[in-house]
Amino acid sequence: MIAVDFFCGGGGMTRGLLNAGVKVLCGIDSNPACKKTYEENNHVQYLETDVMELTPDDLLREYPQLYNADDLLLVGCAPCQPFSVLRREEFDADGNPIPHKSVNLLVEFGRFVRALHPAHVLVENVPGLSGKGKEVLDSFKTMLLEEGYEYKEKIIYAKDYGVPQNRRRYILIASRLFTPQIPAPTHGNKDGLMPYRTVRETISDYPHIVAGGEDKSIPNHKCANLKPILIERIMATPHDGGSRTDWPDRLILQCHKNFSGHTDVYGRMRWDEPSPTLTVKCFSLSNGRFGHPEQDRAISLREAAALQTFADNYIFYGSMQEIGKQIGNAVPVLLAQKLGTYILRNVE
């Protein structure tokens, strides 16, 4: 089976598909910051281009093997900002919502599905794709039916598939060759399932570092520096799951004194549970429960990558902000691998 990975970013989906035994021909993304990370780790060509400016004929000229559609999987993990519950709506002068510039990328991906008519289609996105993005998603699913596909969709938790992270995602699998299902969970609290993988299992063996420090024996094992007041705050946060609600009054931010929400901000992860959902700010103490369970710092980039099930030899390139985006936006490698394995097994 061959695949093309649209909106590939730093390569989580591609790496998982390669691990499953799928030959990925190329990844497509418009972000130049992801190119080196993607190509160095996967040895797959990164087409740095805007999908809106790319045509199916362009791809066919570059990869004539795409004509063999019964071996082809197209993957579309469009940027999720338009459909994220964290996104604030923007309005024009008349009070009308301004569509996010990425809102039509699933439609653009559908253009390639219709033209190339692959055997299989895989979509991964935030759960809000079936909420805020309902109109776009419904149009995409109608196209699939018109083109002779059967599909199955579901909102899943990545932790149910062995990812040590409480990451909730929308999955759609479509095929012309078999009736798809969403793979059954392998991990959980029910009989017959393996226990959830935890933060402790995943990051406890990494070398100790301090805020702003780095251990170069492990690629990307570096963490953000903290101002003195933030050092005080993390030191006042109890180990193994403490939060800002545990601070003395002198450390509480003014904006939090009469606000009870967002209690995960400045919090520590819990050792013996999956981590919270990682975001593009997963290296930042002030942007979520991204504090190390024990050490007085935010998690390192390598620890974040491990929680996304990237192997330690998967090296990320770029600034801390760019690497944070590559990691936080990625499809967890293990989840991608299990989805790829499921599709392969059903066409053997």
Protein backbone atom coordinates (compact mmCIF):
# COMPACT_ATOMS: atom_id res chain seq x y z
CA MET A 1 0.00 0.00 0.00
CA ILE A 2 1.17 3.51 -0.81
CA ALA A 3 0.02 6.71 0.85
CA VAL A 4 0.12 10.48 0.54
CA ASP A 5 -0.01 12.40 3.82
CA PHE A 6 -1.74 15.76 3.39
CA PHE A 7 -1.08 18.44 6.06
CA CYS A 8 1.72 16.22 7.36
CA GLY A 9 3.39 18.69 9.74
CA GLY A 10 6.32 17.17 11.61
CA GLY A 11 5.39 13.65 10.55
CA GLY A 12 3.49 11.83 13.31
CA MET A 13 1.01 10.25 10.90
CA THR A 14 3.70 9.42 8.36
CA ARG A 15 5.92 7.80 10.98
CA GLY A 16 3.03 5.68 12.26
CA LEU A 17 2.06 4.56 8.75
CA LEU A 18 5.66 3.66 7.96
CA ASN A 19 5.83 1.65 11.18
CA ALA A 20 2.68 -0.19 10.10
CA GLY A 21 4.21 -1.11 6.75
CA VAL A 22 2.61 1.50 4.50
CA LYS A 23 4.92 3.13 1.93
CA VAL A 24 4.41 6.88 2.21
CA LEU A 25 5.28 8.57 -1.08
CA CYS A 26 5.29 12.12 0.24
CA GLY A 27 4.03 14.50 2.86
CA ILE A 28 2.39 17.77 1.87
CA ASP A 29 2.40 20.88 4.04
CA SER A 30 2.87 24.62 3.63
CA ASN A 31 4.98 25.13 6.77
CA PRO A 32 8.70 25.41 5.94
CA ALA A 33 9.64 24.87 9.61
CA CYS A 34 8.53 21.23 9.43
CA LYS A 35 10.51 20.19 6.36
CA LYS A 36 13.80 19.16 7.98
CA THR A 37 12.11 17.33 10.85
CA TYR A 38 9.87 15.45 8.43
CA GLU A 39 12.48 14.45 5.88
CA GLU A 40 15.37 13.69 8.25
CA ASN A 41 13.29 11.28 10.34
CA ASN A 42 11.14 9.63 7.70
CA HIS A 43 13.29 9.74 4.55
CA VAL A 44 10.17 10.75 2.65
CA GLN A 45 9.86 13.78 0.38
CA TYR A 46 8.21 16.85 1.92
CA LEU A 47 6.30 18.91 -0.64
CA GLU A 48 6.30 22.40 0.78
CA THR A 49 3.25 23.84 -0.91
CA ASP A 50 -0.19 25.27 -0.28
CA VAL A 51 -2.73 22.56 -1.03
CA MET A 52 -5.01 25.22 -2.49
CA GLU A 53 -2.40 25.84 -5.18
CA LEU A 54 -1.69 22.15 -5.85
CA THR A 55 -3.59 20.10 -8.43
CA PRO A 56 -4.10 16.35 -8.75
CA ASP A 57 -2.28 16.54 -12.09
CA ASP A 58 0.74 18.02 -10.30
CA LEU A 59 0.84 14.98 -8.00
CA LEU A 60 0.33 12.52 -10.85
CA ARG A 61 3.23 14.00 -12.78
CA GLU A 62 5.47 13.68 -9.73
CA TYR A 63 4.19 10.25 -8.67
CA PRO A 64 2.77 8.27 -11.63
CA GLN A 65 2.22 5.27 -9.35
CA LEU A 66 -0.80 7.14 -7.96
CA TYR A 67 -2.67 5.91 -11.02
CA ASN A 68 -2.79 2.49 -9.31
CA ALA A 69 -5.63 3.58 -7.07
CA ASP A 70 -6.37 0.17 -5.55
CA ASP A 71 -3.10 0.43 -3.62
CA LEU A 72 -3.57 4.06 -2.56
CA LEU A 73 -4.40 5.59 0.81
CA LEU A 74 -4.95 9.34 1.06
CA VAL A 75 -4.61 10.82 4.55
CA GLY A 76 -5.95 14.24 5.48
CA CYS A 77 -5.26 15.73 8.90
CA ALA A 78 -6.19 19.31 8.10
CA PRO A 79 -5.16 22.06 10.54
CA CYS A 80 -7.68 22.00 13.35
CA GLN A 81 -7.82 25.67 14.38
CA PRO A 82 -11.15 26.39 12.65
CA PHE A 83 -12.87 23.64 14.63
CA SER A 84 -11.11 23.82 17.98
CA VAL A 85 -13.15 24.64 21.09
CA LEU A 86 -10.18 26.79 22.18
CA ARG A 87 -10.47 29.10 19.18
CA ARG A 88 -12.08 32.47 19.77
CA GLU A 89 -14.50 33.54 17.07
CA GLU A 90 -13.55 36.65 15.12
CA PHE A 91 -16.17 39.01 13.70
CA ASP A 92 -16.23 41.65 10.99
CA ALA A 93 -17.48 45.23 11.42
CA ASP A 94 -21.08 44.07 10.87
CA GLY A 95 -20.85 41.40 13.55
CA ASN A 96 -20.62 38.46 11.14
CA PRO A 97 -18.23 35.58 11.96
CA ILE A 98 -15.02 35.65 9.94
CA PRO A 99 -14.21 32.16 8.61
CA HIS A 100 -10.77 30.90 9.58
CA LYS A 101 -8.43 30.77 6.59
CA SER A 102 -8.05 26.98 7.06
CA VAL A 103 -11.77 26.19 7.18
CA ASN A 104 -11.89 24.88 3.61
CA LEU A 105 -8.82 22.64 3.76
CA LEU A 106 -10.94 19.53 4.22
CA VAL A 107 -12.81 20.58 1.08
CA GLU A 108 -9.46 20.93 -0.71
CA PHE A 109 -8.47 17.45 0.47
CA GLY A 110 -11.78 16.19 -0.89
CA ARG A 111 -10.84 17.57 -4.28
CA PHE A 112 -7.89 15.14 -4.37
CA VAL A 113 -10.03 12.23 -3.17
CA ARG A 114 -12.51 12.85 -5.96
CA ALA A 115 -9.81 13.20 -8.63
CA LEU A 116 -7.45 10.39 -7.58
CA HIS A 117 -10.16 8.01 -6.36
CA PRO A 118 -7.93 6.20 -3.86
CA ALA A 119 -8.87 2.85 -2.41
CA HIS A 120 -8.89 4.23 1.12
CA VAL A 121 -9.22 7.55 2.93
CA LEU A 122 -8.19 8.40 6.50
CA VAL A 123 -9.09 11.63 8.31
CA GLU A 124 -7.96 12.68 11.80
CA ASN A 125 -8.96 15.94 13.46
CA VAL A 126 -10.24 17.56 16.64
CA PRO A 127 -13.69 16.46 17.87
CA GLY A 128 -14.99 19.89 16.92
CA LEU A 129 -14.80 18.89 13.27
CA SER A 130 -18.15 17.18 13.87
CA GLY A 131 -19.40 20.24 15.80
CA LYS A 132 -18.17 23.61 14.56
CA GLY A 133 -17.15 21.96 11.31
CA LYS A 134 -20.38 20.04 10.73
CA GLU A 135 -21.25 21.77 7.46
CA VAL A 136 -17.79 21.18 6.00
CA LEU A 137 -17.68 17.60 7.26
CA ASP A 138 -21.17 16.77 5.97
CA SER A 139 -20.15 18.00 2.53
CA PHE A 140 -17.04 15.82 2.63
CA LYS A 141 -19.01 12.73 3.67
CA THR A 142 -21.58 13.32 0.94
CA MET A 143 -18.73 13.39 -1.58
CA LEU A 144 -17.43 10.06 -0.23
CA LEU A 145 -20.82 8.42 -0.77
CA GLU A 146 -21.11 9.87 -4.27
CA GLU A 147 -17.69 8.42 -5.10
CA GLY A 148 -18.65 4.92 -3.95
CA TYR A 149 -17.00 4.81 -0.53
CA GLU A 150 -18.28 3.31 2.68
CA TYR A 151 -17.07 5.08 5.79
CA LYS A 152 -17.09 4.88 9.56
CA GLU A 153 -16.47 7.80 11.92
CA LYS A 154 -16.02 8.10 15.65
CA ILE A 155 -14.65 10.37 18.35
CA ILE A 156 -12.02 8.36 20.21
CA TYR A 157 -9.54 8.78 23.05
CA ALA A 158 -5.92 8.17 22.09
CA LYS A 159 -5.31 6.66 25.53
CA ASP A 160 -7.61 3.78 24.51
CA TYR A 161 -5.00 2.79 21.90
CA GLY A 162 -1.89 2.81 24.09
CA VAL A 163 -1.00 6.51 23.85
CA PRO A 164 -0.14 7.87 27.33
CA GLN A 165 -2.29 10.94 26.80
CA ASN A 166 -5.93 11.84 27.33
CA ARG A 167 -6.25 13.08 23.75
CA ARG A 168 -9.74 13.13 22.22
CA ARG A 169 -9.86 13.00 18.42
CA TYR A 170 -12.23 12.58 15.49
CA ILE A 171 -11.38 9.63 13.18
CA LEU A 172 -12.92 8.74 9.81
CA ILE A 173 -11.92 5.70 7.76
CA ALA A 174 -13.38 5.26 4.25
CA SER A 175 -12.79 2.53 1.69
CA ARG A 176 -13.96 1.29 -1.68
CA LEU A 177 -12.66 -2.23 -0.98
CA PHE A 178 -14.09 -3.14 2.42
CA THR A 179 -16.66 -1.98 4.97
CA PRO A 180 -14.58 -0.12 7.55
CA GLN A 181 -14.93 0.04 11.29
CA ILE A 182 -13.02 2.09 13.83
CA PRO A 183 -10.52 -0.29 15.50
CA ALA A 184 -11.56 -1.49 18.94
CA PRO A 185 -9.71 -0.06 21.96
CA THR A 186 -6.74 -2.02 23.26
CA HIS A 187 -6.32 -0.18 26.58
CA GLY A 188 -8.70 0.79 29.35
CA ASN A 189 -10.27 -0.20 32.65
CA LYS A 190 -12.42 -3.02 31.29
CA ASP A 191 -11.65 -6.73 31.48
CA GLY A 192 -9.52 -7.97 28.61
CA LEU A 193 -7.89 -4.60 27.95
CA MET A 194 -4.37 -3.55 28.84
CA PRO A 195 -4.08 -0.79 31.47
CA TYR A 196 -3.67 2.77 30.31
CA ARG A 197 -0.08 3.85 29.77
CA THR A 198 0.96 6.54 32.20
CA VAL A 199 3.20 9.57 32.46
CA ARG A 200 5.47 7.61 34.82
CA GLU A 201 5.99 4.80 32.32
CA THR A 202 6.74 7.31 29.61
CA ILE A 203 9.00 10.04 31.01
CA SER A 204 10.31 9.01 34.44
CA ASP A 205 13.62 7.67 33.08
CA TYR A 206 14.71 10.87 31.37
CA PRO A 207 17.68 12.66 33.02
CA HIS A 208 16.92 15.37 35.57
CA ILE A 209 17.15 18.91 34.18
CA VAL A 210 16.31 22.33 35.61
CA ALA A 211 14.12 25.06 34.14
CA GLY A 212 15.86 26.43 31.08
CA GLY A 213 18.21 23.44 31.04
CA GLU A 214 19.10 20.74 28.55
CA ASP A 215 20.63 17.28 28.60
CA LYS A 216 22.28 16.81 25.23
CA SER A 217 22.61 13.06 25.66
CA ILE A 218 18.90 12.86 24.76
CA PRO A 219 17.81 14.74 21.60
CA ASN A 220 15.45 17.65 22.35
CA HIS A 221 15.56 17.05 26.11
CA LYS A 222 15.42 20.74 26.93
CA CYS A 223 12.80 22.84 28.64
CA ALA A 224 11.72 26.45 28.79
CA ASN A 225 13.31 28.89 31.17
CA LEU A 226 11.15 30.31 33.96
CA LYS A 227 11.12 33.75 35.53
CA PRO A 228 11.78 33.80 39.29
CA ILE A 229 8.07 34.28 40.09
CA LEU A 230 7.24 31.19 38.02
CA ILE A 231 9.92 29.21 39.83
CA GLU A 232 8.22 30.21 43.09
CA ARG A 233 4.86 29.14 41.71
CA ILE A 234 5.98 25.73 40.48
CA MET A 235 7.80 25.12 43.78
CA ALA A 236 4.54 25.91 45.59
CA THR A 237 2.63 23.45 43.39
CA PRO A 238 2.42 20.03 45.08
CA HIS A 239 4.09 17.15 43.28
CA ASP A 240 2.08 14.65 41.25
CA GLY A 241 -0.97 16.61 40.14
CA GLY A 242 -0.92 19.83 42.16
CA SER A 243 -2.41 22.99 40.68
CA ARG A 244 -2.49 26.77 41.13
CA THR A 245 -5.35 26.34 43.62
CA ASP A 246 -2.68 25.15 46.08
CA TRP A 247 -0.69 28.40 45.98
CA PRO A 248 -0.54 30.95 48.83
CA ASP A 249 -2.39 34.18 48.11
CA ARG A 250 0.76 36.17 47.32
CA LEU A 251 1.48 33.96 44.26
CA ILE A 252 -2.03 33.97 42.78
CA LEU A 253 -2.41 36.01 39.59
CA GLN A 254 -4.84 38.91 39.83
CA CYS A 255 -6.90 37.52 36.95
CA HIS A 256 -7.37 34.24 38.85
CA LYS A 257 -8.47 35.70 42.21
CA ASN A 258 -12.13 35.88 41.23
CA PHE A 259 -12.04 33.19 38.55
CA SER A 260 -12.40 29.48 39.25
CA GLY A 261 -11.91 28.12 35.73
CA HIS A 262 -8.83 26.90 33.85
CA THR A 263 -7.41 25.25 36.96
CA ASP A 264 -5.06 23.12 34.85
CA VAL A 265 -3.00 26.20 33.98
CA TYR A 266 0.33 26.04 35.88
CA GLY A 267 -0.54 22.53 37.09
CA ARG A 268 1.65 19.45 37.29
CA MET A 269 0.98 16.20 35.46
CA ARG A 270 0.07 13.13 37.50
CA TRP A 271 2.56 10.28 37.48
CA ASP A 272 0.17 7.37 37.32
CA GLU A 273 -2.36 8.65 34.78
CA PRO A 274 -2.16 9.51 31.11
CA SER A 275 -1.11 13.10 30.49
CA PRO A 276 -3.60 15.80 29.55
CA THR A 277 -3.95 16.70 25.86
CA LEU A 278 -0.75 18.22 24.55
CA THR A 279 -1.06 21.46 22.58
CA VAL A 280 1.39 23.58 20.59
CA LYS A 281 2.24 25.25 23.92
CA CYS A 282 3.01 21.96 25.65
CA PHE A 283 6.43 23.25 26.75
CA SER A 284 4.90 26.25 28.55
CA LEU A 285 4.00 26.09 32.23
CA SER A 286 1.40 28.83 31.91
CA ASN A 287 -0.57 27.24 29.07
CA GLY A 288 -1.90 24.05 30.63
CA ARG A 289 -1.12 21.21 33.02
CA PHE A 290 2.35 20.92 31.55
CA GLY A 291 4.39 21.01 34.74
CA HIS A 292 6.66 18.04 35.40
CA PRO A 293 5.11 15.80 38.10
CA GLU A 294 8.12 16.25 40.37
CA GLN A 295 10.83 18.55 39.00
CA ASP A 296 10.33 22.31 39.24
CA ARG A 297 9.88 23.00 35.54
CA ALA A 298 7.62 22.43 32.57
CA ILE A 299 8.03 19.18 30.67
CA SER A 300 10.81 19.12 28.09
CA LEU A 301 10.29 18.92 24.35
CA ARG A 302 11.52 15.31 24.42
CA GLU A 303 9.11 14.38 27.19
CA ALA A 304 6.28 15.97 25.19
CA ALA A 305 7.36 14.00 22.12
CA ALA A 306 7.41 10.78 24.15
CA LEU A 307 3.86 11.46 25.34
CA GLN A 308 2.98 11.72 21.63
CA THR A 309 4.71 8.30 21.23
CA PHE A 310 7.62 9.55 19.13
CA ALA A 311 10.74 7.43 19.61
CA ASP A 312 13.77 9.09 21.22
CA ASN A 313 15.67 8.94 17.92
CA TYR A 314 13.01 11.08 16.20
CA ILE A 315 14.80 14.43 16.27
CA PHE A 316 12.93 17.72 15.96
CA TYR A 317 14.49 20.78 14.34
CA GLY A 318 13.70 24.46 14.79
CA SER A 319 13.10 26.92 17.61
CA MET A 320 11.39 25.83 20.80
CA GLN A 321 8.16 27.42 19.54
CA GLU A 322 8.41 25.67 16.17
CA ILE A 323 9.17 22.30 17.76
CA GLY A 324 6.30 22.77 20.20
CA LYS A 325 3.97 23.19 17.23
CA GLN A 326 5.39 20.13 15.48
CA ILE A 327 4.84 18.01 18.57
CA GLY A 328 1.53 19.44 19.75
CA ASN A 329 -0.09 19.30 16.31
CA ALA A 330 1.09 15.77 15.57
CA VAL A 331 -1.04 12.67 15.29
CA PRO A 332 0.33 10.35 18.00
CA VAL A 333 2.63 7.92 16.22
CA LEU A 334 1.17 4.83 17.90
CA LEU A 335 -2.40 5.82 17.03
CA ALA A 336 -1.39 6.38 13.40
CA GLN A 337 0.36 3.01 13.35
CA LYS A 338 -2.72 1.21 14.65
CA LEU A 339 -4.96 2.90 12.10
CA GLY A 340 -2.56 1.99 9.30
CA THR A 341 -2.28 -1.60 10.52
CA TYR A 342 -6.08 -1.90 10.63
CA ILE A 343 -6.45 -0.76 7.02
CA LEU A 344 -3.65 -3.04 5.80
CA ARG A 345 -5.13 -6.09 7.53
CA ASN A 346 -8.49 -5.56 5.88
CA VAL A 347 -7.10 -5.58 2.34
CA GLU A 348 -4.62 -8.44 2.62
